[in-house]
Amino acid sequence: MASDDELPGFVREALARGLPRQQIEQALVQAGWGRDQIRSALAAYAELDFPIPVPRPKPYVSAKEAFLYLTLFSTLYVSAYNLGRLVFSFIERLLPDPALSGHYFDYTSQAMRWSVSSLVIAFPVFLYLSWLMGRAIRLEPTKRASRVRKWLTYLTLFIAASILVGDLITLLYNFLGGELGPRFLLKVLTVGLIAGTVFFYYLWDLRSDEVEGET
């Protein structure tokens, strides 16, 4: 039997013999298996009063699902980037740099128009798709285990975490150099708030999945 099939096969055999799930988990932990692997293997079978283990339906990836999640996360990235760019433009307007010429303000006007246009189109699409996919998960909870959803969620967490780390490094670098002007601090705060909001929301979403999987 291949190593990837050993754990599911053992769990199925143990459940078929009527052993309690807690006892199976304890035995596997003592054998060196990870708790996440064990819980995933146990969760593959429904807790029903039936003579043999009843498998739960496995999630599959459809082209439609991949399209919807790719569009959802793409519009999230577009919205987050342009929100930050728009706030940056306001900061440049409110606290202008005397060293910059008037042509720079023409550039910020164009940047603001582009950011507003992007947000007006992308953000409603993101909200609609978030609602649509959330409703689909409520109607069919097994869709929480979608591989496309999990991969894109972890990718988003990686991007947001990288931006947060870079933001803090930039803050510390300028602090050590004595260059903490109000314009700079407002921009650092903007990046931190946007990236932090995205990071903690999707981290909470993943933890909700774990709680749902355990119930």
Protein backbone atom coordinates (compact mmCIF):
# COMPACT_ATOMS: atom_id res chain seq x y z
CA MET A 1 0.00 0.00 0.00
CA ALA A 2 1.40 3.45 -0.89
CA SER A 3 2.34 5.67 2.06
CA ASP A 4 -0.34 8.25 1.09
CA ASP A 5 -2.99 5.50 1.38
CA GLU A 6 -1.81 3.97 4.66
CA LEU A 7 -3.48 6.48 6.98
CA PRO A 8 -6.90 6.55 5.22
CA GLY A 9 -6.83 2.77 4.97
CA PHE A 10 -6.01 2.37 8.67
CA VAL A 11 -8.73 4.82 9.70
CA ARG A 12 -11.31 3.08 7.53
CA GLU A 13 -10.40 -0.33 8.96
CA ALA A 14 -10.48 0.98 12.55
CA LEU A 15 -13.87 2.62 12.07
CA ALA A 16 -15.21 -0.53 10.43
CA ARG A 17 -14.28 -2.45 13.59
CA GLY A 18 -16.26 0.01 15.71
CA LEU A 19 -13.33 1.67 17.49
CA PRO A 20 -14.04 5.15 18.94
CA ARG A 21 -12.60 8.05 17.00
CA GLN A 22 -10.78 9.41 20.04
CA GLN A 23 -9.05 6.06 20.57
CA ILE A 24 -8.03 5.95 16.89
CA GLU A 25 -6.63 9.47 17.11
CA GLN A 26 -4.63 8.68 20.26
CA ALA A 27 -3.12 5.58 18.68
CA LEU A 28 -2.08 7.46 15.55
CA VAL A 29 -0.57 10.31 17.59
CA GLN A 30 1.51 7.77 19.51
CA ALA A 31 2.62 6.29 16.17
CA GLY A 32 3.94 9.72 15.10
CA TRP A 33 1.20 10.97 12.75
CA GLY A 34 0.39 14.68 12.79
CA ARG A 35 -2.92 15.77 14.31
CA ASP A 36 -3.91 17.65 11.16
CA GLN A 37 -3.37 14.50 9.07
CA ILE A 38 -5.34 12.41 11.56
CA ARG A 39 -8.28 14.79 11.76
CA SER A 40 -8.39 15.08 7.99
CA ALA A 41 -8.48 11.29 7.63
CA LEU A 42 -11.21 10.95 10.28
CA ALA A 43 -13.23 13.79 8.76
CA ALA A 44 -13.34 11.87 5.47
CA TYR A 45 -15.97 9.59 7.05
CA ALA A 46 -19.35 10.76 8.35
CA GLU A 47 -20.30 10.09 11.97
CA LEU A 48 -23.36 7.96 11.27
CA ASP A 49 -24.89 4.92 12.94
CA PHE A 50 -24.12 2.50 10.09
CA PRO A 51 -22.36 -0.89 10.05
CA ILE A 52 -19.50 0.32 7.83
CA PRO A 53 -17.77 3.73 7.48
CA VAL A 54 -19.66 6.10 5.20
CA PRO A 55 -17.33 8.37 3.20
CA ARG A 56 -18.09 12.04 2.87
CA PRO A 57 -18.16 13.49 -0.67
CA LYS A 58 -14.75 14.79 -1.72
CA PRO A 59 -14.53 18.33 -3.10
CA TYR A 60 -13.67 18.61 -6.77
CA VAL A 61 -12.48 21.56 -8.80
CA SER A 62 -14.71 22.66 -11.65
CA ALA A 63 -13.76 25.18 -14.32
CA LYS A 64 -16.58 27.44 -13.12
CA GLU A 65 -15.35 27.38 -9.53
CA ALA A 66 -11.77 28.12 -10.59
CA PHE A 67 -12.99 31.05 -12.73
CA LEU A 68 -15.07 32.51 -9.89
CA TYR A 69 -12.32 32.29 -7.28
CA LEU A 70 -9.66 33.65 -9.64
CA THR A 71 -11.93 36.58 -10.46
CA LEU A 72 -12.77 37.14 -6.80
CA PHE A 73 -9.15 37.32 -5.66
CA SER A 74 -8.06 39.30 -8.73
CA THR A 75 -10.66 41.98 -7.97
CA LEU A 76 -9.52 41.94 -4.33
CA TYR A 77 -5.94 42.70 -5.38
CA VAL A 78 -7.05 45.41 -7.81
CA SER A 79 -9.28 47.00 -5.15
CA ALA A 80 -6.65 46.91 -2.40
CA TYR A 81 -3.93 48.36 -4.64
CA ASN A 82 -6.08 51.18 -5.99
CA LEU A 83 -7.47 52.03 -2.56
CA GLY A 84 -3.91 52.49 -1.34
CA ARG A 85 -2.99 54.49 -4.43
CA LEU A 86 -6.02 56.74 -3.95
CA VAL A 87 -5.17 57.41 -0.30
CA PHE A 88 -1.57 58.13 -1.29
CA SER A 89 -2.83 60.71 -3.81
CA PHE A 90 -4.92 62.42 -1.11
CA ILE A 91 -1.90 62.51 1.19
CA GLU A 92 0.19 64.09 -1.59
CA ARG A 93 -2.52 66.71 -2.06
CA LEU A 94 -2.96 67.49 1.64
CA LEU A 95 0.76 67.47 2.45
CA PRO A 96 2.53 68.43 -0.77
CA ASP A 97 6.27 68.12 -1.12
CA PRO A 98 7.70 71.60 -1.88
CA ALA A 99 10.49 70.02 -3.91
CA LEU A 100 8.04 68.65 -6.49
CA SER A 101 6.88 70.64 -9.50
CA GLY A 102 3.33 71.39 -10.54
CA HIS A 103 3.46 68.63 -13.13
CA TYR A 104 3.45 66.13 -10.28
CA PHE A 105 -0.02 67.31 -9.23
CA ASP A 106 -1.27 66.66 -12.75
CA TYR A 107 0.04 63.12 -12.35
CA THR A 108 -1.72 62.69 -9.00
CA SER A 109 -5.00 63.88 -10.59
CA GLN A 110 -4.68 61.21 -13.28
CA ALA A 111 -3.78 58.60 -10.64
CA MET A 112 -6.85 59.53 -8.59
CA ARG A 113 -9.14 59.22 -11.61
CA TRP A 114 -7.70 55.82 -12.46
CA SER A 115 -7.96 54.59 -8.86
CA VAL A 116 -11.56 55.75 -8.51
CA SER A 117 -12.49 54.12 -11.84
CA SER A 118 -10.84 50.86 -10.78
CA LEU A 119 -12.57 50.83 -7.40
CA VAL A 120 -16.00 51.62 -8.87
CA ILE A 121 -15.72 48.58 -11.16
CA ALA A 122 -13.59 46.05 -9.24
CA PHE A 123 -14.85 46.44 -5.66
CA PRO A 124 -18.56 45.75 -6.37
CA VAL A 125 -17.52 42.68 -8.38
CA PHE A 126 -15.44 41.50 -5.41
CA LEU A 127 -18.34 42.05 -2.98
CA TYR A 128 -20.80 40.24 -5.25
CA LEU A 129 -18.52 37.25 -5.78
CA SER A 130 -17.75 37.07 -2.05
CA TRP A 131 -21.47 36.94 -1.33
CA LEU A 132 -22.06 34.42 -4.12
CA MET A 133 -19.31 32.03 -2.99
CA GLY A 134 -20.28 32.45 0.66
CA ARG A 135 -23.87 31.47 -0.15
CA ALA A 136 -22.63 28.44 -2.11
CA ILE A 137 -20.59 27.32 0.93
CA ARG A 138 -23.57 27.75 3.26
CA LEU A 139 -25.73 25.64 0.97
CA GLU A 140 -23.00 23.02 0.45
CA PRO A 141 -20.47 23.09 3.34
CA THR A 142 -18.12 20.63 1.59
CA LYS A 143 -17.13 23.48 -0.73
CA ARG A 144 -15.13 24.94 2.15
CA ALA A 145 -12.48 22.36 1.28
CA SER A 146 -12.11 23.66 -2.29
CA ARG A 147 -8.45 23.41 -3.28
CA VAL A 148 -8.62 26.52 -5.46
CA ARG A 149 -10.09 28.49 -2.55
CA LYS A 150 -7.44 27.30 -0.10
CA TRP A 151 -4.50 27.85 -2.48
CA LEU A 152 -5.62 31.38 -3.35
CA THR A 153 -6.35 32.17 0.29
CA TYR A 154 -2.87 31.09 1.38
CA LEU A 155 -1.34 33.00 -1.55
CA THR A 156 -3.23 36.10 -0.42
CA LEU A 157 -2.01 35.60 3.16
CA PHE A 158 1.58 35.30 1.87
CA ILE A 159 1.29 38.50 -0.19
CA ALA A 160 -0.34 40.44 2.66
CA ALA A 161 2.22 39.17 5.20
CA SER A 162 5.10 40.10 2.87
CA ILE A 163 3.70 43.62 2.45
CA LEU A 164 3.29 44.00 6.23
CA VAL A 165 6.87 42.88 6.86
CA GLY A 166 8.16 45.23 4.16
CA ASP A 167 6.08 48.06 5.63
CA LEU A 168 7.57 47.54 9.09
CA ILE A 169 11.11 47.28 7.69
CA THR A 170 10.62 50.58 5.84
CA LEU A 171 9.25 52.20 9.01
CA LEU A 172 12.22 51.03 11.09
CA TYR A 173 14.73 52.04 8.39
CA ASN A 174 13.38 55.58 8.23
CA PHE A 175 13.10 55.78 12.02
CA LEU A 176 16.79 54.92 12.38
CA GLY A 177 17.58 57.55 9.77
CA GLY A 178 15.48 60.19 11.52
CA GLU A 179 13.14 60.54 8.53
CA LEU A 180 9.67 60.15 10.04
CA GLY A 181 7.71 62.97 8.43
CA PRO A 182 3.89 63.08 8.53
CA ARG A 183 3.57 62.20 4.83
CA PHE A 184 5.70 59.11 5.30
CA LEU A 185 3.90 57.99 8.47
CA LEU A 186 0.49 58.36 6.85
CA LYS A 187 1.60 56.26 3.87
CA VAL A 188 3.05 53.56 6.12
CA LEU A 189 -0.18 53.53 8.14
CA THR A 190 -2.25 53.24 4.94
CA VAL A 191 -0.27 50.24 3.69
CA GLY A 192 -0.38 48.60 7.12
CA LEU A 193 -4.15 49.03 7.49
CA ILE A 194 -4.99 47.68 4.04
CA ALA A 195 -2.58 44.72 4.16
CA GLY A 196 -3.44 44.00 7.80
CA THR A 197 -7.17 43.99 7.15
CA VAL A 198 -6.78 41.54 4.25
CA PHE A 199 -4.39 39.33 6.24
CA PHE A 200 -6.45 39.04 9.41
CA TYR A 201 -9.75 38.61 7.56
CA TYR A 202 -8.51 35.63 5.55
CA LEU A 203 -6.67 34.21 8.55
CA TRP A 204 -9.98 34.31 10.43
CA ASP A 205 -11.66 32.69 7.43
CA LEU A 206 -9.18 29.79 7.47
CA ARG A 207 -9.63 29.30 11.21
CA SER A 208 -13.39 29.22 10.67
CA ASP A 209 -12.82 26.41 8.19
CA GLU A 210 -10.85 24.48 10.81
CA VAL A 211 -13.62 24.92 13.37
CA GLU A 212 -16.23 23.78 10.84
CA GLY A 213 -14.10 20.75 9.99
CA GLU A 214 -13.91 19.69 13.64
CA THR A 215 -17.69 19.88 14.18
